[in-house]
Amino acid sequence: HTVPGRRAAEAHGKDRAWYEAALGDAHPVIIYLHGNGGTRAASHRVQFMKLMGAANFHILALDYRGYGDSSGHPTESGFTTDVLALYDWAKARSGDSPVIFWGHSLGTGIATNAARKLHEERGVQVDAVVLESPYTSIRDAAAHVPITKVRKDPP
């Protein structure tokens, strides 16, 4: 959890309970959903979180199942389940603050799917969805993964 820049100095040395309570300070909350390569701790992602923190957003980032320090195996349904659990956790602590899904690359599909499920299954509309470097189709996305060959006419 990266806190808004205005609270950064105050956050030093605080415990988990302080960070949870800090979500209720009326600043918007970004749930950051990273791309396929690496983890939430990749240097460019950390820089993004610092930048958005300086702009007075809370940033919550998770590693998907099977990524980084998360256990399990990556699946589409597992990704969505985890994001919705984080959304529920954030909403329970953030009061009326906006909660935003920000997806990068692979994370754009996860953000879109989570927002769709919130709307279709709960009648809830996420406050905003930001899609950074989205893919047009899974076939197009797979074509850029070095070990993947997508056949036009599979056997």
N, C-alpha and C. Protein backbone atom coordinates (compact mmCIF):
# COMPACT_ATOMS: atom_id res chain seq x y z
N HIS A 1 0.86 -1.17 0.00
CA HIS A 1 0.00 0.00 0.00
C HIS A 1 0.91 1.23 0.00
N THR A 2 0.78 2.02 -1.03
CA THR A 2 1.48 3.30 -1.11
C THR A 2 0.47 4.38 -0.74
N VAL A 3 0.82 5.21 0.21
CA VAL A 3 -0.11 6.25 0.68
C VAL A 3 0.08 7.53 -0.13
N PRO A 4 -0.93 8.42 -0.11
CA PRO A 4 -0.78 9.70 -0.79
C PRO A 4 0.43 10.46 -0.28
N GLY A 5 1.05 11.22 -1.18
CA GLY A 5 2.26 11.96 -0.85
C GLY A 5 2.15 12.81 0.39
N ARG A 6 0.99 13.38 0.62
CA ARG A 6 0.80 14.24 1.79
C ARG A 6 0.95 13.47 3.10
N ARG A 7 0.84 12.14 3.03
CA ARG A 7 0.90 11.33 4.24
C ARG A 7 2.17 10.49 4.30
N ALA A 8 3.05 10.62 3.32
CA ALA A 8 4.23 9.75 3.23
C ALA A 8 5.13 9.86 4.46
N ALA A 9 5.44 11.06 4.90
CA ALA A 9 6.33 11.22 6.07
C ALA A 9 5.68 10.66 7.32
N GLU A 10 4.39 10.86 7.44
CA GLU A 10 3.64 10.36 8.59
C GLU A 10 3.61 8.82 8.62
N ALA A 11 3.69 8.19 7.46
CA ALA A 11 3.56 6.73 7.35
C ALA A 11 4.78 5.97 7.85
N HIS A 12 5.91 6.63 7.89
CA HIS A 12 7.16 5.96 8.26
C HIS A 12 7.05 5.27 9.62
N GLY A 13 7.31 3.96 9.62
CA GLY A 13 7.31 3.20 10.86
C GLY A 13 5.95 2.77 11.37
N LYS A 14 4.90 3.05 10.62
CA LYS A 14 3.55 2.70 11.07
C LYS A 14 3.26 1.22 10.81
N ASP A 15 2.29 0.69 11.54
CA ASP A 15 1.92 -0.71 11.40
C ASP A 15 0.77 -0.87 10.40
N ARG A 16 0.41 -2.13 10.16
CA ARG A 16 -0.64 -2.45 9.19
C ARG A 16 -1.96 -1.76 9.52
N ALA A 17 -2.32 -1.71 10.80
CA ALA A 17 -3.58 -1.08 11.20
C ALA A 17 -3.61 0.39 10.80
N TRP A 18 -2.48 1.08 10.90
CA TRP A 18 -2.42 2.49 10.50
C TRP A 18 -2.70 2.62 9.00
N TYR A 19 -2.07 1.75 8.20
CA TYR A 19 -2.26 1.80 6.75
C TYR A 19 -3.71 1.52 6.38
N GLU A 20 -4.33 0.56 7.05
CA GLU A 20 -5.74 0.26 6.77
C GLU A 20 -6.61 1.46 7.11
N ALA A 21 -6.40 2.07 8.26
CA ALA A 21 -7.18 3.24 8.67
C ALA A 21 -6.95 4.41 7.72
N ALA A 22 -5.73 4.53 7.19
CA ALA A 22 -5.39 5.64 6.29
C ALA A 22 -6.26 5.64 5.04
N LEU A 23 -6.76 4.49 4.62
CA LEU A 23 -7.62 4.43 3.43
C LEU A 23 -8.89 5.26 3.59
N GLY A 24 -9.28 5.56 4.81
CA GLY A 24 -10.48 6.34 5.05
C GLY A 24 -10.28 7.84 5.02
N ASP A 25 -9.15 8.31 4.48
CA ASP A 25 -8.83 9.75 4.53
C ASP A 25 -9.38 10.55 3.35
N ALA A 26 -10.26 9.98 2.56
CA ALA A 26 -10.94 10.65 1.45
C ALA A 26 -10.12 10.77 0.17
N HIS A 27 -8.88 10.27 0.15
CA HIS A 27 -8.12 10.26 -1.10
C HIS A 27 -8.55 9.07 -1.95
N PRO A 28 -8.56 9.22 -3.27
CA PRO A 28 -8.94 8.10 -4.14
C PRO A 28 -7.98 6.92 -4.00
N VAL A 29 -8.49 5.74 -4.29
CA VAL A 29 -7.73 4.50 -4.17
C VAL A 29 -7.60 3.87 -5.56
N ILE A 30 -6.36 3.59 -5.96
CA ILE A 30 -6.10 2.86 -7.21
C ILE A 30 -5.76 1.43 -6.85
N ILE A 31 -6.47 0.49 -7.47
CA ILE A 31 -6.07 -0.91 -7.42
C ILE A 31 -5.30 -1.15 -8.70
N TYR A 32 -3.98 -1.32 -8.56
CA TYR A 32 -3.09 -1.44 -9.71
C TYR A 32 -2.90 -2.90 -10.09
N LEU A 33 -3.20 -3.21 -11.34
CA LEU A 33 -3.13 -4.56 -11.88
C LEU A 33 -2.05 -4.60 -12.94
N HIS A 34 -0.93 -5.23 -12.60
CA HIS A 34 0.26 -5.17 -13.44
C HIS A 34 0.16 -6.06 -14.68
N GLY A 35 1.12 -5.86 -15.58
CA GLY A 35 1.22 -6.66 -16.79
C GLY A 35 1.82 -8.03 -16.52
N ASN A 36 2.03 -8.79 -17.59
CA ASN A 36 2.46 -10.18 -17.48
C ASN A 36 3.89 -10.33 -16.98
N GLY A 37 4.79 -9.49 -17.40
CA GLY A 37 6.20 -9.65 -17.04
C GLY A 37 6.50 -9.18 -15.63
N GLY A 38 7.08 -10.03 -14.82
CA GLY A 38 7.53 -9.62 -13.50
C GLY A 38 6.45 -9.60 -12.44
N THR A 39 6.64 -8.70 -11.48
CA THR A 39 5.77 -8.63 -10.31
C THR A 39 5.39 -7.18 -10.03
N ARG A 40 4.62 -6.99 -8.98
CA ARG A 40 4.24 -5.63 -8.58
C ARG A 40 5.45 -4.82 -8.12
N ALA A 41 6.56 -5.50 -7.80
CA ALA A 41 7.75 -4.83 -7.28
C ALA A 41 8.76 -4.47 -8.37
N ALA A 42 8.43 -4.69 -9.64
CA ALA A 42 9.34 -4.30 -10.73
C ALA A 42 9.59 -2.79 -10.64
N SER A 43 10.81 -2.38 -10.98
CA SER A 43 11.21 -0.98 -10.75
C SER A 43 10.29 0.02 -11.45
N HIS A 44 9.85 -0.26 -12.68
CA HIS A 44 8.98 0.70 -13.37
C HIS A 44 7.61 0.78 -12.69
N ARG A 45 7.17 -0.31 -12.08
CA ARG A 45 5.89 -0.28 -11.36
C ARG A 45 6.03 0.48 -10.05
N VAL A 46 7.14 0.30 -9.38
CA VAL A 46 7.39 1.05 -8.14
C VAL A 46 7.43 2.55 -8.46
N GLN A 47 8.06 2.92 -9.57
CA GLN A 47 8.10 4.33 -9.97
C GLN A 47 6.69 4.87 -10.23
N PHE A 48 5.86 4.06 -10.89
CA PHE A 48 4.47 4.45 -11.14
C PHE A 48 3.75 4.69 -9.81
N MET A 49 3.93 3.78 -8.87
CA MET A 49 3.25 3.91 -7.57
C MET A 49 3.72 5.16 -6.83
N LYS A 50 5.01 5.46 -6.92
CA LYS A 50 5.52 6.69 -6.29
C LYS A 50 4.91 7.92 -6.94
N LEU A 51 4.82 7.91 -8.26
CA LEU A 51 4.24 9.03 -9.00
C LEU A 51 2.78 9.25 -8.61
N MET A 52 2.01 8.17 -8.57
CA MET A 52 0.59 8.30 -8.22
C MET A 52 0.42 8.65 -6.74
N GLY A 53 1.31 8.16 -5.90
CA GLY A 53 1.27 8.56 -4.49
C GLY A 53 1.52 10.06 -4.36
N ALA A 54 2.48 10.57 -5.13
CA ALA A 54 2.77 12.01 -5.10
C ALA A 54 1.57 12.83 -5.58
N ALA A 55 0.72 12.21 -6.42
CA ALA A 55 -0.49 12.87 -6.90
C ALA A 55 -1.66 12.67 -5.92
N ASN A 56 -1.36 12.15 -4.74
CA ASN A 56 -2.31 11.98 -3.64
C ASN A 56 -3.36 10.89 -3.84
N PHE A 57 -2.91 9.79 -4.44
CA PHE A 57 -3.72 8.57 -4.52
C PHE A 57 -3.15 7.54 -3.54
N HIS A 58 -4.02 6.71 -3.01
CA HIS A 58 -3.59 5.47 -2.37
C HIS A 58 -3.41 4.46 -3.50
N ILE A 59 -2.40 3.63 -3.45
CA ILE A 59 -2.21 2.59 -4.46
C ILE A 59 -2.11 1.25 -3.76
N LEU A 60 -3.00 0.35 -4.16
CA LEU A 60 -2.97 -1.03 -3.69
C LEU A 60 -2.57 -1.89 -4.87
N ALA A 61 -1.54 -2.69 -4.71
CA ALA A 61 -1.07 -3.55 -5.80
C ALA A 61 -0.95 -4.97 -5.26
N LEU A 62 -1.28 -5.92 -6.10
CA LEU A 62 -1.16 -7.31 -5.71
C LEU A 62 -0.41 -8.06 -6.80
N ASP A 63 0.21 -9.15 -6.41
CA ASP A 63 0.73 -10.09 -7.40
C ASP A 63 -0.34 -11.14 -7.62
N TYR A 64 -0.57 -11.47 -8.87
CA TYR A 64 -1.58 -12.48 -9.19
C TYR A 64 -1.13 -13.84 -8.68
N ARG A 65 -2.06 -14.75 -8.59
CA ARG A 65 -1.74 -16.13 -8.21
C ARG A 65 -0.63 -16.64 -9.13
N GLY A 66 0.40 -17.20 -8.52
CA GLY A 66 1.51 -17.74 -9.29
C GLY A 66 2.54 -16.71 -9.71
N TYR A 67 2.36 -15.45 -9.33
CA TYR A 67 3.31 -14.38 -9.65
C TYR A 67 3.94 -13.89 -8.35
N GLY A 68 5.20 -13.46 -8.44
CA GLY A 68 5.87 -12.84 -7.29
C GLY A 68 5.78 -13.68 -6.04
N ASP A 69 5.31 -13.07 -4.96
CA ASP A 69 5.23 -13.80 -3.70
C ASP A 69 3.85 -14.40 -3.43
N SER A 70 3.04 -14.50 -4.48
CA SER A 70 1.72 -15.13 -4.33
C SER A 70 1.79 -16.59 -4.73
N SER A 71 1.12 -17.41 -3.96
CA SER A 71 1.10 -18.85 -4.26
C SER A 71 -0.03 -19.16 -5.23
N GLY A 72 -0.15 -20.42 -5.58
CA GLY A 72 -1.22 -20.85 -6.46
C GLY A 72 -0.81 -20.86 -7.91
N HIS A 73 -1.79 -21.15 -8.74
CA HIS A 73 -1.57 -21.22 -10.18
C HIS A 73 -2.40 -20.13 -10.86
N PRO A 74 -1.82 -19.47 -11.86
CA PRO A 74 -2.55 -18.40 -12.53
C PRO A 74 -3.73 -18.92 -13.34
N THR A 75 -4.90 -18.36 -13.09
CA THR A 75 -6.09 -18.63 -13.89
C THR A 75 -6.89 -17.34 -14.00
N GLU A 76 -7.64 -17.21 -15.06
CA GLU A 76 -8.47 -16.02 -15.24
C GLU A 76 -9.45 -15.85 -14.09
N SER A 77 -10.13 -16.93 -13.73
CA SER A 77 -11.12 -16.82 -12.65
C SER A 77 -10.44 -16.50 -11.32
N GLY A 78 -9.26 -17.06 -11.08
CA GLY A 78 -8.52 -16.77 -9.85
C GLY A 78 -8.10 -15.31 -9.79
N PHE A 79 -7.62 -14.77 -10.92
CA PHE A 79 -7.22 -13.36 -10.96
C PHE A 79 -8.42 -12.48 -10.58
N THR A 80 -9.56 -12.75 -11.21
CA THR A 80 -10.75 -11.93 -10.97
C THR A 80 -11.22 -12.05 -9.53
N THR A 81 -11.23 -13.27 -9.01
CA THR A 81 -11.63 -13.48 -7.61
C THR A 81 -10.76 -12.68 -6.66
N ASP A 82 -9.45 -12.70 -6.90
CA ASP A 82 -8.52 -11.97 -6.03
C ASP A 82 -8.72 -10.46 -6.12
N VAL A 83 -8.94 -9.95 -7.32
CA VAL A 83 -9.14 -8.51 -7.50
C VAL A 83 -10.44 -8.08 -6.82
N LEU A 84 -11.49 -8.87 -6.97
CA LEU A 84 -12.76 -8.52 -6.32
C LEU A 84 -12.64 -8.57 -4.79
N ALA A 85 -11.85 -9.50 -4.28
CA ALA A 85 -11.62 -9.55 -2.82
C ALA A 85 -10.88 -8.29 -2.37
N LEU A 86 -9.89 -7.85 -3.14
CA LEU A 86 -9.16 -6.63 -2.80
C LEU A 86 -10.08 -5.41 -2.91
N TYR A 87 -10.94 -5.38 -3.93
CA TYR A 87 -11.90 -4.29 -4.08
C TYR A 87 -12.81 -4.22 -2.84
N ASP A 88 -13.35 -5.36 -2.44
CA ASP A 88 -14.23 -5.39 -1.26
C ASP A 88 -13.49 -4.90 -0.02
N TRP A 89 -12.26 -5.35 0.14
CA TRP A 89 -11.43 -4.96 1.28
C TRP A 89 -11.22 -3.44 1.27
N ALA A 90 -10.88 -2.90 0.09
CA ALA A 90 -10.63 -1.45 -0.03
C ALA A 90 -11.90 -0.65 0.22
N LYS A 91 -13.02 -1.07 -0.36
CA LYS A 91 -14.28 -0.34 -0.17
C LYS A 91 -14.70 -0.33 1.30
N ALA A 92 -14.46 -1.42 2.00
CA ALA A 92 -14.83 -1.50 3.41
C ALA A 92 -14.04 -0.52 4.27
N ARG A 93 -12.88 -0.09 3.79
CA ARG A 93 -12.00 0.77 4.58
C ARG A 93 -11.92 2.20 4.06
N SER A 94 -12.37 2.44 2.83
CA SER A 94 -12.14 3.74 2.21
C SER A 94 -13.35 4.67 2.23
N GLY A 95 -14.42 4.27 2.86
CA GLY A 95 -15.59 5.14 2.95
C GLY A 95 -16.14 5.48 1.57
N ASP A 96 -16.33 6.75 1.33
CA ASP A 96 -16.88 7.20 0.04
C ASP A 96 -15.80 7.54 -0.98
N SER A 97 -14.55 7.25 -0.68
CA SER A 97 -13.47 7.54 -1.62
C SER A 97 -13.64 6.72 -2.89
N PRO A 98 -13.35 7.31 -4.04
CA PRO A 98 -13.42 6.53 -5.27
C PRO A 98 -12.39 5.40 -5.26
N VAL A 99 -12.79 4.26 -5.81
CA VAL A 99 -11.88 3.13 -6.00
C VAL A 99 -11.80 2.88 -7.50
N ILE A 100 -10.58 2.86 -8.00
CA ILE A 100 -10.29 2.82 -9.44
C ILE A 100 -9.51 1.56 -9.76
N PHE A 101 -9.91 0.87 -10.83
CA PHE A 101 -9.09 -0.22 -11.36
C PHE A 101 -8.15 0.38 -12.40
N TRP A 102 -6.85 0.18 -12.24
CA TRP A 102 -5.86 0.64 -13.21
C TRP A 102 -5.12 -0.59 -13.70
N GLY A 103 -5.38 -0.98 -14.93
CA GLY A 103 -4.74 -2.16 -15.49
C GLY A 103 -3.70 -1.78 -16.52
N HIS A 104 -2.57 -2.50 -16.48
CA HIS A 104 -1.52 -2.33 -17.47
C HIS A 104 -1.36 -3.65 -18.22
N SER A 105 -1.44 -3.61 -19.54
CA SER A 105 -1.24 -4.77 -20.40
C SER A 105 -2.15 -5.93 -19.95
N LEU A 106 -1.58 -7.03 -19.47
CA LEU A 106 -2.39 -8.15 -18.98
C LEU A 106 -3.43 -7.66 -17.96
N GLY A 107 -3.04 -6.71 -17.14
CA GLY A 107 -3.94 -6.18 -16.13
C GLY A 107 -5.16 -5.48 -16.69
N THR A 108 -5.13 -5.06 -17.97
CA THR A 108 -6.30 -4.41 -18.56
C THR A 108 -7.45 -5.40 -18.71
N GLY A 109 -7.13 -6.63 -19.10
CA GLY A 109 -8.16 -7.66 -19.21
C GLY A 109 -8.74 -8.01 -17.85
N ILE A 110 -7.87 -8.08 -16.86
CA ILE A 110 -8.31 -8.40 -15.50
C ILE A 110 -9.18 -7.27 -14.95
N ALA A 111 -8.76 -6.02 -15.17
CA ALA A 111 -9.54 -4.87 -14.71
C ALA A 111 -10.92 -4.84 -15.37
N THR A 112 -10.95 -5.07 -16.67
CA THR A 112 -12.21 -5.06 -17.40
C THR A 112 -13.13 -6.17 -16.92
N ASN A 113 -12.58 -7.36 -16.74
CA ASN A 113 -13.38 -8.49 -16.29
C ASN A 113 -13.91 -8.27 -14.88
N ALA A 114 -13.08 -7.74 -13.99
CA ALA A 114 -13.52 -7.47 -12.62
C ALA A 114 -14.63 -6.42 -12.60
N ALA A 115 -14.48 -5.36 -13.40
CA ALA A 115 -15.50 -4.32 -13.46
C ALA A 115 -16.81 -4.89 -14.02
N ARG A 116 -16.70 -5.75 -15.03
CA ARG A 116 -17.89 -6.38 -15.62
C ARG A 116 -18.61 -7.24 -14.59
N LYS A 117 -17.84 -8.05 -13.86
CA LYS A 117 -18.45 -8.93 -12.85
C LYS A 117 -19.11 -8.12 -11.73
N LEU A 118 -18.47 -7.05 -11.30
CA LEU A 118 -19.09 -6.19 -10.29
C LEU A 118 -20.45 -5.70 -10.76
N HIS A 119 -20.50 -5.26 -12.00
CA HIS A 119 -21.74 -4.71 -12.55
C HIS A 119 -22.80 -5.80 -12.76
N GLU A 120 -22.41 -6.89 -13.42
CA GLU A 120 -23.39 -7.93 -13.76
C GLU A 120 -23.86 -8.72 -12.55
N GLU A 121 -22.98 -9.01 -11.62
CA GLU A 121 -23.33 -9.89 -10.50
C GLU A 121 -23.79 -9.14 -9.25
N ARG A 122 -23.37 -7.88 -9.11
CA ARG A 122 -23.71 -7.14 -7.89
C ARG A 122 -24.46 -5.84 -8.15
N GLY A 123 -24.52 -5.44 -9.41
CA GLY A 123 -25.14 -4.16 -9.73
C GLY A 123 -24.32 -2.97 -9.27
N VAL A 124 -23.01 -3.19 -9.11
CA VAL A 124 -22.09 -2.15 -8.64
C VAL A 124 -21.23 -1.67 -9.81
N GLN A 125 -21.10 -0.37 -9.92
CA GLN A 125 -20.23 0.18 -10.96
C GLN A 125 -18.98 0.74 -10.29
N VAL A 126 -17.82 0.22 -10.72
CA VAL A 126 -16.55 0.72 -10.19
C VAL A 126 -16.44 2.20 -10.57
N ASP A 127 -15.76 2.98 -9.76
CA ASP A 127 -15.71 4.43 -9.98
C ASP A 127 -15.00 4.81 -11.27
N ALA A 128 -13.98 4.06 -11.65
CA ALA A 128 -13.27 4.31 -12.92
C ALA A 128 -12.44 3.09 -13.26
N VAL A 129 -12.20 2.92 -14.55
CA VAL A 129 -11.30 1.88 -15.05
C VAL A 129 -10.33 2.56 -16.00
N VAL A 130 -9.04 2.42 -15.73
CA VAL A 130 -8.00 2.97 -16.60
C VAL A 130 -7.30 1.79 -17.25
N LEU A 131 -7.24 1.80 -18.58
CA LEU A 131 -6.60 0.73 -19.34
C LEU A 131 -5.34 1.30 -20.00
N GLU A 132 -4.20 0.89 -19.50
CA GLU A 132 -2.91 1.35 -20.01
C GLU A 132 -2.29 0.24 -20.85
N SER A 133 -2.06 0.50 -22.12
CA SER A 133 -1.50 -0.48 -23.06
C SER A 133 -2.37 -1.73 -23.16
N PRO A 134 -3.66 -1.55 -23.44
CA PRO A 134 -4.52 -2.73 -23.56
C PRO A 134 -4.22 -3.51 -24.84
N TYR A 135 -4.60 -4.76 -24.83
CA TYR A 135 -4.46 -5.59 -26.02
C TYR A 135 -5.81 -5.67 -26.71
N THR A 136 -5.78 -5.91 -28.01
CA THR A 136 -7.02 -5.96 -28.77
C THR A 136 -7.67 -7.33 -28.74
N SER A 137 -6.87 -8.37 -28.57
CA SER A 137 -7.39 -9.73 -28.45
C SER A 137 -6.32 -10.59 -27.80
N ILE A 138 -6.71 -11.73 -27.30
CA ILE A 138 -5.73 -12.61 -26.67
C ILE A 138 -4.74 -13.12 -27.70
N ARG A 139 -5.19 -13.31 -28.94
CA ARG A 139 -4.30 -13.75 -30.02
C ARG A 139 -3.22 -12.69 -30.26
N ASP A 140 -3.62 -11.42 -30.32
CA ASP A 140 -2.63 -10.35 -30.52
C ASP A 140 -1.67 -10.26 -29.34
N ALA A 141 -2.18 -10.41 -28.13
CA ALA A 141 -1.32 -10.34 -26.95
C ALA A 141 -0.33 -11.49 -26.94
N ALA A 142 -0.78 -12.69 -27.27
CA ALA A 142 0.09 -13.86 -27.26
C ALA A 142 1.19 -13.76 -28.31
N ALA A 143 0.94 -13.06 -29.39
CA ALA A 143 1.95 -12.92 -30.45
C ALA A 143 3.19 -12.19 -29.96
N HIS A 144 3.08 -11.43 -28.89
CA HIS A 144 4.22 -10.67 -28.37
C HIS A 144 4.96 -11.38 -27.24
N VAL A 145 4.50 -12.56 -26.88
CA VAL A 145 5.19 -13.36 -25.86
C VAL A 145 6.21 -14.22 -26.59
N PRO A 146 7.49 -14.09 -26.27
CA PRO A 146 8.55 -14.72 -27.06
C PRO A 146 8.41 -16.22 -27.27
N ILE A 147 7.88 -16.96 -26.32
CA ILE A 147 7.82 -18.41 -26.49
C ILE A 147 6.52 -18.87 -27.14
N THR A 148 5.67 -17.94 -27.50
CA THR A 148 4.36 -18.29 -28.03
C THR A 148 4.34 -18.15 -29.55
N LYS A 149 3.80 -19.14 -30.19
CA LYS A 149 3.51 -19.06 -31.62
C LYS A 149 2.02 -19.30 -31.76
N VAL A 150 1.33 -18.38 -32.35
CA VAL A 150 -0.09 -18.54 -32.57
C VAL A 150 -0.29 -18.95 -34.01
N ARG A 151 -0.91 -20.10 -34.17
CA ARG A 151 -1.16 -20.61 -35.52
C ARG A 151 -2.47 -20.05 -36.04
N LYS A 152 -2.46 -19.70 -37.29
CA LYS A 152 -3.68 -19.20 -37.91
C LYS A 152 -4.71 -20.32 -38.02
N ASP A 153 -4.27 -21.49 -38.42
CA ASP A 153 -5.15 -22.65 -38.56
C ASP A 153 -4.61 -23.78 -37.70
N PRO A 154 -5.05 -23.87 -36.42
CA PRO A 154 -4.52 -24.91 -35.55
C PRO A 154 -4.82 -26.31 -36.09
N PRO A 155 -3.95 -27.28 -35.79
CA PRO A 155 -4.17 -28.64 -36.31
C PRO A 155 -5.41 -29.28 -35.73
